[in-house]
N, C-alpha and C. Protein backbone atom coordinates (compact mmCIF):
# COMPACT_ATOMS: atom_id res chain seq x y z
N MET A 1 0.84 -1.19 0.00
CA MET A 1 0.00 0.00 0.00
C MET A 1 0.89 1.25 0.00
N CYS A 2 0.56 2.19 -0.84
CA CYS A 2 1.31 3.45 -0.92
C CYS A 2 0.79 4.41 0.13
N ARG A 3 1.68 5.26 0.59
CA ARG A 3 1.25 6.32 1.51
C ARG A 3 1.93 7.61 1.08
N CYS A 4 1.17 8.70 1.17
CA CYS A 4 1.72 10.00 0.78
C CYS A 4 2.55 10.56 1.93
N SER A 5 3.59 11.24 1.59
CA SER A 5 4.42 11.85 2.62
C SER A 5 4.71 13.29 2.24
N TYR A 6 5.19 14.07 3.21
CA TYR A 6 5.47 15.48 3.00
C TYR A 6 6.81 15.80 3.62
N ILE A 7 7.68 16.44 2.86
CA ILE A 7 8.97 16.89 3.38
C ILE A 7 8.92 18.41 3.41
N PRO A 8 8.89 19.01 4.60
CA PRO A 8 8.76 20.47 4.68
C PRO A 8 10.07 21.15 4.30
N PRO A 9 9.98 22.42 3.93
CA PRO A 9 11.23 23.16 3.70
C PRO A 9 12.00 23.27 5.01
N CYS A 10 13.29 23.27 4.93
CA CYS A 10 14.11 23.30 6.14
C CYS A 10 14.34 24.74 6.58
N GLU A 11 13.70 25.12 7.67
CA GLU A 11 13.86 26.46 8.24
C GLU A 11 14.96 26.42 9.30
N ARG A 12 15.54 27.58 9.57
CA ARG A 12 16.58 27.65 10.61
C ARG A 12 16.00 27.42 11.99
N GLU A 13 14.80 27.94 12.21
CA GLU A 13 14.19 27.82 13.52
C GLU A 13 13.37 26.54 13.59
N ASN A 14 13.60 25.77 14.62
CA ASN A 14 12.91 24.50 14.79
C ASN A 14 11.41 24.70 14.97
N GLU A 15 11.02 25.81 15.57
CA GLU A 15 9.61 26.08 15.79
C GLU A 15 8.87 26.28 14.48
N LYS A 16 9.51 26.97 13.52
CA LYS A 16 8.89 27.16 12.20
C LYS A 16 8.69 25.82 11.50
N ASN A 17 9.69 24.94 11.57
CA ASN A 17 9.56 23.60 10.98
C ASN A 17 8.38 22.87 11.60
N SER A 18 8.29 22.93 12.91
CA SER A 18 7.20 22.25 13.62
C SER A 18 5.84 22.82 13.22
N ASP A 19 5.75 24.15 13.07
CA ASP A 19 4.49 24.78 12.67
C ASP A 19 4.08 24.33 11.27
N ILE A 20 5.03 24.27 10.37
CA ILE A 20 4.71 23.87 9.00
C ILE A 20 4.21 22.42 8.96
N VAL A 21 4.89 21.55 9.68
CA VAL A 21 4.48 20.14 9.72
C VAL A 21 3.10 20.01 10.36
N THR A 22 2.85 20.75 11.42
CA THR A 22 1.55 20.71 12.09
C THR A 22 0.45 21.21 11.16
N HIS A 23 0.74 22.28 10.41
CA HIS A 23 -0.24 22.81 9.46
C HIS A 23 -0.65 21.73 8.46
N TRP A 24 0.34 21.06 7.88
CA TRP A 24 0.02 20.02 6.89
C TRP A 24 -0.63 18.81 7.52
N GLN A 25 -0.29 18.50 8.73
CA GLN A 25 -0.93 17.37 9.42
C GLN A 25 -2.41 17.68 9.63
N ASP A 26 -2.70 18.91 10.06
CA ASP A 26 -4.09 19.33 10.24
C ASP A 26 -4.84 19.32 8.91
N TYR A 27 -4.16 19.79 7.86
CA TYR A 27 -4.78 19.80 6.54
C TYR A 27 -5.17 18.39 6.12
N TRP A 28 -4.27 17.44 6.29
CA TRP A 28 -4.55 16.07 5.87
C TRP A 28 -5.68 15.46 6.69
N GLU A 29 -5.71 15.77 7.97
CA GLU A 29 -6.75 15.20 8.82
C GLU A 29 -8.11 15.85 8.58
N ASP A 30 -8.14 17.20 8.44
CA ASP A 30 -9.40 17.91 8.31
C ASP A 30 -9.94 17.93 6.89
N GLU A 31 -9.09 18.31 5.93
CA GLU A 31 -9.55 18.51 4.55
C GLU A 31 -9.64 17.21 3.75
N VAL A 32 -8.61 16.41 3.83
CA VAL A 32 -8.56 15.21 2.99
C VAL A 32 -9.24 14.05 3.71
N GLY A 33 -8.83 13.81 4.94
CA GLY A 33 -9.44 12.72 5.71
C GLY A 33 -9.37 11.40 4.99
N SER A 34 -10.53 10.80 4.79
CA SER A 34 -10.56 9.50 4.11
C SER A 34 -11.02 9.62 2.66
N GLN A 35 -11.10 10.86 2.14
CA GLN A 35 -11.51 11.05 0.75
C GLN A 35 -10.43 10.54 -0.19
N PRO A 36 -10.82 9.94 -1.29
CA PRO A 36 -9.81 9.51 -2.28
C PRO A 36 -9.22 10.72 -3.00
N PHE A 37 -7.96 10.64 -3.36
CA PHE A 37 -7.30 11.69 -4.11
C PHE A 37 -6.23 11.06 -4.98
N THR A 38 -5.79 11.81 -5.99
CA THR A 38 -4.81 11.30 -6.94
C THR A 38 -3.40 11.51 -6.43
N CYS A 39 -2.60 10.46 -6.47
CA CYS A 39 -1.18 10.55 -6.16
C CYS A 39 -0.39 10.12 -7.39
N TYR A 40 0.81 10.63 -7.54
CA TYR A 40 1.68 10.26 -8.65
C TYR A 40 2.86 9.47 -8.09
N PHE A 41 3.21 8.38 -8.76
CA PHE A 41 4.34 7.58 -8.29
C PHE A 41 4.99 6.87 -9.46
N ASN A 42 6.22 6.46 -9.25
CA ASN A 42 6.96 5.71 -10.25
C ASN A 42 6.92 4.24 -9.83
N GLN A 43 6.13 3.48 -10.54
CA GLN A 43 5.89 2.09 -10.16
C GLN A 43 7.15 1.24 -10.24
N HIS A 44 8.08 1.58 -11.11
CA HIS A 44 9.26 0.74 -11.31
C HIS A 44 10.42 1.11 -10.40
N LEU A 45 10.69 2.42 -10.23
CA LEU A 45 11.86 2.82 -9.46
C LEU A 45 11.58 2.92 -7.96
N ARG A 46 10.50 3.60 -7.59
CA ARG A 46 10.21 3.81 -6.17
C ARG A 46 8.71 3.65 -5.94
N PRO A 47 8.20 2.44 -5.92
CA PRO A 47 6.75 2.24 -5.82
C PRO A 47 6.15 2.65 -4.48
N ASP A 48 6.95 2.78 -3.43
CA ASP A 48 6.41 3.14 -2.12
C ASP A 48 6.36 4.65 -1.89
N ASP A 49 7.00 5.44 -2.75
CA ASP A 49 7.01 6.89 -2.61
C ASP A 49 6.01 7.50 -3.58
N VAL A 50 5.14 8.34 -3.08
CA VAL A 50 4.15 8.98 -3.94
C VAL A 50 4.15 10.48 -3.72
N LEU A 51 3.62 11.21 -4.72
CA LEU A 51 3.52 12.67 -4.66
C LEU A 51 2.07 13.08 -4.80
N LEU A 52 1.69 14.13 -4.11
CA LEU A 52 0.34 14.64 -4.27
C LEU A 52 0.23 15.46 -5.56
N ARG A 53 1.25 16.26 -5.86
CA ARG A 53 1.26 17.09 -7.06
C ARG A 53 2.53 16.81 -7.85
N ARG A 54 2.41 16.86 -9.15
CA ARG A 54 3.59 16.73 -10.01
C ARG A 54 4.40 18.01 -9.92
N THR A 55 5.71 17.87 -9.88
CA THR A 55 6.54 19.06 -9.86
C THR A 55 6.76 19.59 -11.27
N HIS A 56 6.68 18.73 -12.28
CA HIS A 56 6.84 19.14 -13.67
C HIS A 56 5.70 18.56 -14.47
N ASP A 57 5.19 19.34 -15.38
CA ASP A 57 4.13 18.84 -16.24
C ASP A 57 4.56 18.92 -17.70
N GLU A 58 3.61 18.78 -18.59
CA GLU A 58 3.92 18.74 -20.02
C GLU A 58 4.51 20.04 -20.52
N SER A 59 4.14 21.17 -19.93
CA SER A 59 4.68 22.45 -20.40
C SER A 59 6.19 22.55 -20.17
N VAL A 60 6.68 21.91 -19.10
CA VAL A 60 8.12 21.90 -18.85
C VAL A 60 8.82 21.12 -19.96
N LEU A 61 8.26 19.97 -20.34
CA LEU A 61 8.84 19.19 -21.43
C LEU A 61 8.81 19.98 -22.74
N LEU A 62 7.72 20.68 -22.97
CA LEU A 62 7.62 21.49 -24.18
C LEU A 62 8.74 22.52 -24.22
N HIS A 63 8.95 23.23 -23.12
CA HIS A 63 10.00 24.24 -23.08
C HIS A 63 11.39 23.62 -23.18
N CYS A 64 11.58 22.45 -22.60
CA CYS A 64 12.89 21.79 -22.67
C CYS A 64 13.26 21.41 -24.09
N PHE A 65 12.28 21.10 -24.92
CA PHE A 65 12.57 20.74 -26.30
C PHE A 65 12.39 21.90 -27.27
N LEU A 66 11.44 22.78 -27.00
CA LEU A 66 11.13 23.86 -27.93
C LEU A 66 12.29 24.84 -28.07
N TRP A 67 12.82 25.36 -26.98
CA TRP A 67 13.83 26.41 -27.08
C TRP A 67 15.15 25.93 -27.68
N PRO A 68 15.66 24.76 -27.34
CA PRO A 68 16.87 24.30 -28.05
C PRO A 68 16.64 24.12 -29.56
N VAL A 69 15.47 23.61 -29.93
CA VAL A 69 15.18 23.42 -31.36
C VAL A 69 15.08 24.77 -32.06
N VAL A 70 14.39 25.73 -31.43
CA VAL A 70 14.28 27.07 -32.03
C VAL A 70 15.66 27.70 -32.16
N THR A 71 16.49 27.58 -31.14
CA THR A 71 17.84 28.13 -31.19
C THR A 71 18.66 27.49 -32.30
N PHE A 72 18.56 26.18 -32.44
CA PHE A 72 19.27 25.47 -33.50
C PHE A 72 18.80 25.94 -34.87
N LEU A 73 17.47 26.06 -35.05
CA LEU A 73 16.94 26.47 -36.35
C LEU A 73 17.35 27.91 -36.69
N VAL A 74 17.36 28.80 -35.72
CA VAL A 74 17.81 30.17 -35.96
C VAL A 74 19.29 30.17 -36.36
N GLY A 75 20.10 29.35 -35.70
CA GLY A 75 21.51 29.24 -36.06
C GLY A 75 21.70 28.74 -37.48
N VAL A 76 20.94 27.71 -37.85
CA VAL A 76 21.01 27.18 -39.22
C VAL A 76 20.57 28.24 -40.22
N LEU A 77 19.52 28.99 -39.89
CA LEU A 77 19.04 30.05 -40.78
C LEU A 77 20.10 31.13 -40.97
N ILE A 78 20.79 31.50 -39.91
CA ILE A 78 21.86 32.50 -40.03
C ILE A 78 22.98 32.00 -40.93
N VAL A 79 23.37 30.75 -40.78
CA VAL A 79 24.42 30.17 -41.62
C VAL A 79 23.97 30.13 -43.08
N VAL A 80 22.74 29.71 -43.33
CA VAL A 80 22.24 29.63 -44.72
C VAL A 80 22.17 31.03 -45.33
N LEU A 81 21.68 32.01 -44.58
CA LEU A 81 21.62 33.37 -45.12
C LEU A 81 23.01 33.93 -45.39
N THR A 82 23.97 33.61 -44.55
CA THR A 82 25.35 34.05 -44.77
C THR A 82 25.91 33.43 -46.05
N ILE A 83 25.67 32.15 -46.25
CA ILE A 83 26.14 31.47 -47.47
C ILE A 83 25.47 32.07 -48.71
N CYS A 84 24.15 32.32 -48.61
CA CYS A 84 23.44 32.92 -49.74
C CYS A 84 23.97 34.32 -50.05
N ALA A 85 24.21 35.11 -49.02
CA ALA A 85 24.72 36.47 -49.23
C ALA A 85 26.10 36.42 -49.88
N LYS A 86 26.95 35.51 -49.44
CA LYS A 86 28.28 35.39 -50.03
C LYS A 86 28.18 34.95 -51.50
N SER A 87 27.30 34.00 -51.76
CA SER A 87 27.11 33.53 -53.12
C SER A 87 26.61 34.65 -54.03
N LEU A 88 25.65 35.44 -53.54
CA LEU A 88 25.14 36.56 -54.34
C LEU A 88 26.21 37.62 -54.56
N ALA A 89 27.05 37.86 -53.57
CA ALA A 89 28.13 38.84 -53.72
C ALA A 89 29.12 38.37 -54.78
N VAL A 90 29.45 37.09 -54.79
CA VAL A 90 30.37 36.55 -55.80
C VAL A 90 29.76 36.67 -57.19
N LYS A 91 28.47 36.33 -57.32
CA LYS A 91 27.80 36.45 -58.62
C LYS A 91 27.73 37.90 -59.08
N ALA A 92 27.43 38.81 -58.17
CA ALA A 92 27.37 40.23 -58.52
C ALA A 92 28.73 40.73 -58.98
N GLU A 93 29.78 40.29 -58.32
CA GLU A 93 31.15 40.68 -58.72
C GLU A 93 31.47 40.14 -60.11
N ALA A 94 31.06 38.91 -60.38
CA ALA A 94 31.30 38.32 -61.70
C ALA A 94 30.55 39.09 -62.79
N ILE A 95 29.31 39.48 -62.50
CA ILE A 95 28.52 40.25 -63.47
C ILE A 95 29.16 41.60 -63.74
N LYS A 96 29.67 42.25 -62.68
CA LYS A 96 30.35 43.55 -62.83
C LYS A 96 31.56 43.41 -63.73
N LYS A 97 32.35 42.36 -63.52
CA LYS A 97 33.55 42.15 -64.32
C LYS A 97 33.20 41.93 -65.78
N ARG A 98 32.09 41.20 -66.03
CA ARG A 98 31.68 40.95 -67.39
C ARG A 98 31.24 42.22 -68.09
N LYS A 99 30.56 43.10 -67.34
CA LYS A 99 30.08 44.36 -67.94
C LYS A 99 31.25 45.28 -68.27
N HIS A 100 32.30 45.28 -67.44
CA HIS A 100 33.43 46.16 -67.67
C HIS A 100 34.39 45.61 -68.73
N SER A 101 34.25 44.37 -69.08
CA SER A 101 35.16 43.77 -70.07
C SER A 101 34.78 44.10 -71.48
């Protein structure tokens, strides 16, 4: 059977830590009680540890892949435009030489 757990932020003062833990303990007893709720867990790596909320969702994955791809494509575009500009400059120079000959 899985059980949800909570790790509070570590405060310097022991009393603050105790207050935070007490707050969440009261929340679980009063608000959640015996009501069913969704937990997230990794069945293969750590089946006994569960989370109430996901720390990362699909938007994080989108940003992790979107920005590197956009950066790469902008870099490729800059290289292609540089090559095209150089090619056009060479052709323009050749046309100039032909006209002056």
